[in-house]
């Protein structure tokens, strides 16, 4: 089962439209889909015709720790159409952060629920609220893929950097790094401005940009007003064709990802057989899987990382070489002149890394070797 979070803190970018119609397109293709409406505004709920559902059977009742209101997951799932179910939302969901604020691992609540093995779906699609708060963090934590709808407007890229920063924080804090893809929405081929905006988005996301473009289409608005997906309203519309294409692209990418994972596991098994190790060799490098000989090499050398930041309170060095973890072993030491340093023994390879200065991600300004990462930002590179 794969979890896809549809997230963007900007409203009006086609986020809920994408959640509804991508779910429908995947269902029509034969995949079994569960859509979770994680937005207290409940737009996805209304958009699939559940405006009159019981407010006491929603995702709030699944997440809450209130014994009087909590319900089993199965009690809150409603069927929409063949292969498509939904857990609706309600305004009560806006209170969940206050309820769980003192609970340990509250930001992993949704992840824990989806990991119980109760659900038998091919995809779980999560429609996030237009903010970067508690609910969105829960969705990102649970997600294998984060799909970022970006409309062709002057404010389209505002806030995307914060979303990508949140994803990097999740990677460091809990070692979870979902794949991130952007998809262009509300694209009007008749205007030059749409093409200009599309080129800017493409330049930012590069290979993380989906090939499919969601065109501006009145059928999408009509479908939402009638409480159905665009595929139910008019399968010959551009909206239906675009979301069908997006569903195919996502399933195709997933198949390629599984194939690559299987190849990587084969390499790890071969390395274990050669080295006699009982654990996979994780001295990772940027890019493709390492060759057998590169992975077997174990000669290490002392590398000193340093940065000038006299006003900083804490600085860590994180990267492929330490699984991007912030702990005492990755903390830099401050010298009297305001310079921060850390020496590490690294084996041969090519590593991505960054400094974390008082919670802010920073590339190595003294190293011009950089590569764009899966979050749309950049990592510094060191080759040994």
Protein backbone atom coordinates (compact mmCIF):
# COMPACT_ATOMS: atom_id res chain seq x y z
CA UNK A 1 0.00 0.00 0.00
CA UNK A 2 1.35 3.41 -0.99
CA UNK A 3 0.39 6.66 0.72
CA UNK A 4 0.29 9.86 -1.36
CA UNK A 5 -0.04 13.25 0.36
CA UNK A 6 -1.42 16.06 -1.80
CA UNK A 7 0.11 19.14 -0.18
CA UNK A 8 0.62 22.84 -0.79
CA UNK A 9 0.06 25.59 1.77
CA UNK A 10 -1.30 27.87 -0.96
CA UNK A 11 -5.05 27.73 -1.48
CA UNK A 12 -6.66 27.64 -4.90
CA UNK A 13 -3.90 25.61 -6.52
CA UNK A 14 -6.05 22.59 -7.39
CA UNK A 15 -5.03 20.51 -4.36
CA UNK A 16 -8.45 19.09 -3.50
CA UNK A 17 -9.38 18.84 -7.19
CA UNK A 18 -6.25 16.74 -7.65
CA UNK A 19 -6.98 14.57 -4.61
CA UNK A 20 -10.53 13.81 -5.80
CA UNK A 21 -9.82 13.23 -9.47
CA UNK A 22 -6.50 11.42 -9.09
CA UNK A 23 -8.22 9.05 -6.66
CA UNK A 24 -11.04 8.51 -9.15
CA UNK A 25 -8.66 7.96 -12.07
CA UNK A 26 -6.64 5.40 -10.12
CA UNK A 27 -9.86 3.64 -9.11
CA UNK A 28 -11.10 3.51 -12.70
CA UNK A 29 -7.76 1.96 -13.70
CA UNK A 30 -8.50 -0.94 -11.33
CA UNK A 31 -6.56 0.19 -8.26
CA UNK A 32 -8.29 0.04 -4.87
CA UNK A 33 -8.21 3.55 -3.41
CA UNK A 34 -8.88 5.17 -0.03
CA UNK A 35 -9.11 8.97 0.01
CA UNK A 36 -8.60 10.61 3.42
CA UNK A 37 -9.93 14.16 3.75
CA UNK A 38 -7.51 15.70 6.26
CA UNK A 39 -8.76 19.25 5.78
CA UNK A 40 -11.26 20.55 8.41
CA UNK A 41 -12.96 22.49 5.60
CA UNK A 42 -14.01 19.09 4.21
CA UNK A 43 -13.89 20.15 0.55
CA UNK A 44 -12.96 16.67 -0.68
CA UNK A 45 -15.85 15.26 1.35
CA UNK A 46 -18.31 17.65 -0.29
CA UNK A 47 -16.65 17.21 -3.68
CA UNK A 48 -17.49 13.50 -3.63
CA UNK A 49 -21.10 13.94 -2.57
CA UNK A 50 -20.86 13.26 1.16
CA UNK A 51 -22.13 16.63 2.33
CA UNK A 52 -24.80 14.92 4.45
CA UNK A 53 -22.60 12.27 6.06
CA UNK A 54 -22.61 11.94 9.84
CA UNK A 55 -20.14 14.40 11.40
CA UNK A 56 -19.53 11.75 14.07
CA UNK A 57 -17.91 9.37 11.60
CA UNK A 58 -14.92 11.23 10.21
CA UNK A 59 -11.12 11.19 10.25
CA UNK A 60 -11.37 13.15 13.51
CA UNK A 61 -13.00 10.12 15.17
CA UNK A 62 -10.13 7.96 13.97
CA UNK A 63 -7.38 10.28 15.22
CA UNK A 64 -8.84 11.43 18.54
CA UNK A 65 -7.83 9.97 21.89
CA UNK A 66 -11.20 10.93 23.37
CA UNK A 67 -12.72 7.59 24.38
CA UNK A 68 -16.28 8.85 23.90
CA UNK A 69 -15.63 10.00 20.33
CA UNK A 70 -13.02 7.56 19.07
CA UNK A 71 -14.21 5.00 16.51
CA UNK A 72 -12.58 2.07 14.73
CA UNK A 73 -11.12 2.91 11.33
CA UNK A 74 -13.58 0.69 9.48
CA UNK A 75 -16.56 2.56 10.94
CA UNK A 76 -15.48 5.80 9.25
CA UNK A 77 -14.93 4.49 5.71
CA UNK A 78 -17.62 5.26 3.13
CA UNK A 79 -17.85 3.87 -0.38
CA UNK A 80 -18.04 6.45 -3.19
CA UNK A 81 -17.84 4.29 -6.30
CA UNK A 82 -16.23 1.09 -7.53
CA UNK A 83 -12.74 0.79 -6.01
CA UNK A 84 -13.01 4.21 -4.33
CA UNK A 85 -13.65 4.77 -0.61
CA UNK A 86 -13.30 7.88 1.53
CA UNK A 87 -12.81 8.78 5.16
CA UNK A 88 -14.58 12.16 5.33
CA UNK A 89 -13.61 15.19 7.37
CA UNK A 90 -15.52 17.50 9.69
CA UNK A 91 -14.96 20.81 11.44
CA UNK A 92 -14.09 18.87 14.62
CA UNK A 93 -10.76 18.04 12.98
CA UNK A 94 -9.65 21.62 13.64
CA UNK A 95 -9.47 20.75 17.37
CA UNK A 96 -7.27 17.67 17.04
CA UNK A 97 -3.94 19.48 17.42
CA UNK A 98 -5.03 20.95 20.74
CA UNK A 99 -6.18 17.52 21.91
CA UNK A 100 -2.93 15.77 21.03
CA UNK A 101 -0.40 18.53 21.73
CA UNK A 102 0.94 16.81 24.85
CA UNK A 103 0.93 13.31 23.38
CA UNK A 104 4.20 11.63 22.53
CA UNK A 105 4.65 11.09 18.78
CA UNK A 106 1.44 12.99 18.01
CA UNK A 107 2.81 13.95 14.59
CA UNK A 108 3.00 10.25 13.72
CA UNK A 109 -0.63 9.55 14.60
CA UNK A 110 -1.80 9.07 11.01
CA UNK A 111 1.28 7.04 10.13
CA UNK A 112 0.68 4.70 13.05
CA UNK A 113 -2.96 4.17 12.03
CA UNK A 114 -2.09 3.44 8.40
CA UNK A 115 0.67 1.04 9.47
CA UNK A 116 -1.55 -1.32 11.43
CA UNK A 117 -2.22 -3.54 8.44
CA UNK A 118 -6.00 -3.06 8.68
CA UNK A 119 -6.25 -1.39 5.27
CA UNK A 120 -6.18 -3.36 2.02
CA UNK A 121 -5.76 -0.66 -0.60
CA UNK A 122 -3.30 -0.05 -3.41
CA UNK A 123 -3.16 3.67 -2.66
CA UNK A 124 -4.16 5.93 0.21
CA UNK A 125 -4.55 9.52 -1.02
CA UNK A 126 -4.44 12.23 1.68
CA UNK A 127 -5.89 15.66 0.94
CA UNK A 128 -4.00 18.08 3.20
CA UNK A 129 -5.23 21.44 4.48
CA UNK A 130 -3.78 24.63 2.91
CA UNK A 131 -1.29 25.15 5.73
CA UNK A 132 1.93 23.66 7.11
CA UNK A 133 0.62 22.81 10.56
CA UNK A 134 0.03 19.69 12.61
CA UNK A 135 -2.28 17.93 10.14
CA UNK A 136 -0.01 18.45 7.14
CA UNK A 137 2.99 17.23 9.16
CA UNK A 138 1.03 14.06 9.96
CA UNK A 139 0.31 13.51 6.27
CA UNK A 140 3.93 14.09 5.22
CA UNK A 141 5.11 11.68 7.90
CA UNK A 142 2.77 9.00 6.60
CA UNK A 143 3.48 9.59 2.90
CA UNK A 144 5.64 7.62 0.50
CA UNK A 145 5.00 10.26 -2.16
CA UNK A 146 4.26 13.97 -1.72
CA UNK A 147 2.51 15.46 -4.74
CA UNK A 148 2.65 19.27 -4.86
CA UNK A 149 0.03 20.88 -7.13
CA UNK A 150 1.25 24.27 -8.37
CA UNK A 151 -1.04 26.60 -10.32
CA UNK A 152 0.12 29.13 -12.88
CA UNK A 153 -0.14 32.25 -10.72
CA UNK A 154 2.21 34.92 -9.39
CA UNK A 155 2.05 33.34 -5.92
CA UNK A 156 2.40 29.74 -7.09
CA UNK A 157 5.88 29.18 -5.68
CA UNK A 158 5.33 31.12 -2.45
CA UNK A 159 5.49 28.75 0.48
CA UNK A 160 6.82 25.81 -1.54
CA UNK A 161 10.25 26.38 -0.01
CA UNK A 162 8.72 26.06 3.47
CA UNK A 163 7.02 22.81 2.49
CA UNK A 164 10.32 21.44 1.17
CA UNK A 165 12.03 22.60 4.36
CA UNK A 166 9.46 20.73 6.44
CA UNK A 167 10.18 17.58 4.44
CA UNK A 168 13.90 17.96 5.10
CA UNK A 169 13.15 18.40 8.81
CA UNK A 170 11.19 15.14 8.77
CA UNK A 171 14.13 13.46 7.11
CA UNK A 172 16.51 14.55 9.85
CA UNK A 173 14.20 14.06 12.83
CA UNK A 174 12.72 10.68 11.96
CA UNK A 175 14.79 9.49 9.00
CA UNK A 176 11.81 9.53 6.63
CA UNK A 177 12.20 10.89 3.11
CA UNK A 178 9.18 10.54 0.80
CA UNK A 179 9.57 11.15 -2.91
CA UNK A 180 8.47 14.64 -3.93
CA UNK A 181 6.90 15.52 -7.28
CA UNK A 182 5.31 18.75 -8.48
CA UNK A 183 2.41 18.83 -10.91
CA UNK A 184 1.35 21.91 -12.89
CA UNK A 185 -2.35 22.69 -12.49
CA UNK A 186 -4.88 25.19 -13.90
CA UNK A 187 -2.68 25.56 -16.98
CA UNK A 188 -4.09 27.77 -19.75
CA UNK A 189 -2.31 27.02 -23.02
CA UNK A 190 -3.77 30.18 -24.57
CA UNK A 191 -1.71 32.53 -22.40
CA UNK A 192 2.00 33.24 -22.56
CA UNK A 193 1.97 33.89 -18.82
CA UNK A 194 1.07 30.25 -18.06
CA UNK A 195 4.06 29.08 -20.08
CA UNK A 196 6.37 31.53 -18.28
CA UNK A 197 5.19 30.27 -14.89
CA UNK A 198 5.47 26.66 -16.02
CA UNK A 199 9.08 27.22 -17.10
CA UNK A 200 9.90 28.71 -13.67
CA UNK A 201 8.37 25.75 -11.86
CA UNK A 202 10.15 23.30 -14.16
CA UNK A 203 13.46 25.05 -13.51
CA UNK A 204 12.97 24.60 -9.75
CA UNK A 205 11.83 20.98 -9.67
CA UNK A 206 13.67 19.66 -12.75
CA UNK A 207 13.28 15.85 -12.84
CA UNK A 208 10.88 16.03 -9.88
CA UNK A 209 8.32 17.70 -12.17
CA UNK A 210 5.57 15.40 -13.43
CA UNK A 211 5.26 15.23 -17.21
CA UNK A 212 1.48 15.46 -16.99
CA UNK A 213 0.00 18.97 -17.00
CA UNK A 214 -3.52 19.59 -15.66
CA UNK A 215 -5.19 22.02 -18.04
CA UNK A 216 -7.77 24.61 -17.08
CA UNK A 217 -11.09 22.92 -17.71
CA UNK A 218 -14.63 23.94 -16.79
CA UNK A 219 -15.64 20.28 -16.41
CA UNK A 220 -13.53 20.12 -13.24
CA UNK A 221 -15.58 22.91 -11.65
CA UNK A 222 -18.87 21.41 -12.80
CA UNK A 223 -17.96 18.02 -11.35
CA UNK A 224 -17.08 19.53 -7.96
CA UNK A 225 -20.38 21.42 -7.82
CA UNK A 226 -22.29 18.19 -8.52
CA UNK A 227 -20.35 16.17 -5.91
CA UNK A 228 -18.76 13.76 -8.40
CA UNK A 229 -15.35 13.28 -9.97
CA UNK A 230 -14.70 14.61 -13.47
CA UNK A 231 -14.45 11.03 -14.74
CA UNK A 232 -18.01 10.41 -13.57
CA UNK A 233 -19.22 13.65 -15.16
CA UNK A 234 -17.46 13.56 -18.54
CA UNK A 235 -14.70 11.09 -19.38
CA UNK A 236 -14.05 12.85 -22.69
CA UNK A 237 -13.27 16.19 -21.05
CA UNK A 238 -9.71 17.52 -20.85
CA UNK A 239 -9.91 17.30 -17.07
CA UNK A 240 -10.69 13.58 -17.17
CA UNK A 241 -7.97 12.93 -19.74
CA UNK A 242 -5.36 14.86 -17.75
CA UNK A 243 -6.05 13.12 -14.44
CA UNK A 244 -6.12 9.75 -16.19
CA UNK A 245 -2.67 10.57 -17.60
CA UNK A 246 -1.44 11.63 -14.15
CA UNK A 247 -2.65 8.36 -12.63
CA UNK A 248 -0.83 6.39 -15.31
CA UNK A 249 2.37 8.37 -14.76
CA UNK A 250 2.29 7.79 -11.00
CA UNK A 251 1.74 4.03 -11.33
CA UNK A 252 4.46 3.84 -13.96
CA UNK A 253 6.92 5.70 -11.70
CA UNK A 254 6.03 3.39 -8.82
CA UNK A 255 6.74 0.34 -10.96
CA UNK A 256 10.15 1.76 -11.91
CA UNK A 257 10.88 2.57 -8.27
CA UNK A 258 10.10 -1.00 -7.22
CA UNK A 259 12.33 -2.33 -10.00
CA UNK A 260 15.21 -0.08 -8.89
CA UNK A 261 14.74 -1.12 -5.26
CA UNK A 262 14.92 -4.77 -6.23
CA UNK A 263 18.16 -4.14 -8.14
CA UNK A 264 19.64 -2.30 -5.14
CA UNK A 265 18.71 -5.18 -2.82
CA UNK A 266 20.44 -7.60 -5.20
CA UNK A 267 23.60 -5.49 -5.03
CA UNK A 268 23.44 -5.37 -1.22
CA UNK A 269 23.04 -9.15 -1.01
CA UNK A 270 26.03 -9.62 -3.30
CA UNK A 271 28.11 -7.26 -1.15
CA UNK A 272 27.08 -9.12 2.00
CA UNK A 273 28.13 -12.39 0.40
CA UNK A 274 31.56 -10.99 -0.49
CA UNK A 275 32.24 -9.21 2.80
CA UNK A 276 30.61 -11.79 5.08
CA UNK A 277 28.59 -9.00 6.68
CA UNK A 278 25.16 -9.73 8.13
CA UNK A 279 23.99 -6.15 7.45
CA UNK A 280 23.66 -4.30 4.13
CA UNK A 281 26.51 -1.89 3.41
CA UNK A 282 25.03 1.61 3.69
CA UNK A 283 28.03 3.79 2.87
CA UNK A 284 25.86 5.44 0.26
CA UNK A 285 26.78 7.74 -2.60
CA UNK A 286 24.73 10.22 -4.52
CA UNK A 287 23.05 9.03 -7.69
CA UNK A 288 22.93 5.41 -8.85
CA UNK A 289 23.64 2.29 -6.80
CA UNK A 290 27.37 1.75 -6.16
CA UNK A 291 29.36 -0.92 -7.97
CA UNK A 292 30.46 -3.99 -6.02
CA UNK A 293 34.10 -2.92 -5.88
CA UNK A 294 33.27 0.63 -4.77
CA UNK A 295 31.04 -0.67 -2.01
CA UNK A 296 33.61 -3.19 -0.74
CA UNK A 297 36.31 -0.52 -0.33
CA UNK A 298 36.66 0.30 3.33
CA UNK A 299 39.70 2.57 3.49
CA UNK A 300 38.73 5.72 5.37
CA UNK A 301 40.26 9.15 5.69
CA UNK A 302 39.83 11.99 8.14
CA UNK A 303 37.67 14.81 6.77
CA UNK A 304 37.25 18.09 8.61
CA UNK A 305 34.03 20.06 8.13
CA UNK A 306 34.14 23.71 9.13
CA UNK A 307 31.96 26.80 8.89
CA UNK A 308 32.18 30.39 10.16
CA UNK A 309 29.08 31.23 12.21
CA UNK A 310 30.04 33.23 15.32
CA UNK A 311 26.41 33.92 16.34
CA UNK A 312 25.18 30.33 16.03
CA UNK A 313 24.07 28.35 19.07
CA UNK A 314 24.20 24.83 17.60
CA UNK A 315 25.54 23.42 14.33
CA UNK A 316 25.35 19.87 13.03
CA UNK A 317 26.83 18.21 9.95
CA UNK A 318 24.42 15.73 8.36
CA UNK A 319 24.62 13.74 5.16
CA UNK A 320 24.69 10.37 3.47
CA UNK A 321 27.63 9.35 5.68
CA UNK A 322 25.58 9.52 8.92
CA UNK A 323 22.09 8.86 7.55
CA UNK A 324 21.22 12.57 7.93
CA UNK A 325 20.92 12.25 11.71
CA UNK A 326 21.30 15.13 14.15
CA UNK A 327 22.80 13.85 17.38
CA UNK A 328 25.87 14.36 19.55
CA UNK A 329 28.06 12.50 17.06
CA UNK A 330 27.21 15.04 14.33
CA UNK A 331 27.43 18.23 16.44
CA UNK A 332 30.24 20.65 15.55
CA UNK A 333 32.48 22.22 18.18
CA UNK A 334 32.90 25.99 18.43
CA UNK A 335 36.38 27.53 18.45
CA UNK A 336 37.12 30.81 20.30
CA UNK A 337 37.11 32.77 17.03
CA UNK A 338 33.54 31.74 16.14
CA UNK A 339 34.47 28.92 13.77
CA UNK A 340 32.69 25.59 14.07
CA UNK A 341 34.51 22.34 13.23
CA UNK A 342 33.99 18.60 13.14
CA UNK A 343 36.33 15.82 11.94
CA UNK A 344 34.88 12.57 10.64
CA UNK A 345 36.40 9.38 9.27
CA UNK A 346 34.83 8.65 5.86
CA UNK A 347 35.40 5.81 3.45
CA UNK A 348 35.83 6.34 -0.28
CA UNK A 349 32.71 7.56 -2.03
CA UNK A 350 30.69 10.57 -3.10
CA UNK A 351 28.51 12.03 -0.37
CA UNK A 352 25.74 14.61 -0.12
CA UNK A 353 25.73 16.76 3.01
CA UNK A 354 24.53 19.99 4.67
CA UNK A 355 25.04 22.03 7.81
CA UNK A 356 22.08 22.55 10.14
CA UNK A 357 22.56 25.93 11.86
CA UNK A 358 20.08 26.55 14.68
CA UNK A 359 17.50 24.47 12.81
CA UNK A 360 18.14 26.05 9.38
CA UNK A 361 19.50 23.99 6.50
CA UNK A 362 22.63 25.53 4.95
CA UNK A 363 24.86 24.35 2.10
CA UNK A 364 28.63 24.62 2.45
CA UNK A 365 29.38 28.10 1.08
CA UNK A 366 33.04 27.17 0.60
CA UNK A 367 32.18 24.19 -1.57
CA UNK A 368 30.83 24.94 -5.06
CA UNK A 369 29.99 21.28 -5.75
CA UNK A 370 26.23 20.95 -5.29
CA UNK A 371 23.36 18.82 -6.52
CA UNK A 372 19.60 19.32 -6.40
CA UNK A 373 17.88 16.93 -4.02
CA UNK A 374 14.44 15.33 -4.04
CA UNK A 375 13.00 18.27 -2.11
CA UNK A 376 13.88 20.83 -4.78
CA UNK A 377 16.69 22.38 -2.71
CA UNK A 378 20.43 21.75 -2.94
CA UNK A 379 22.97 19.60 -1.09
CA UNK A 380 26.73 20.07 -1.03
CA UNK A 381 28.84 17.24 -2.46
CA UNK A 382 32.13 15.79 -1.28
CA UNK A 383 34.01 13.10 -3.22
CA UNK A 384 36.76 11.00 -1.61
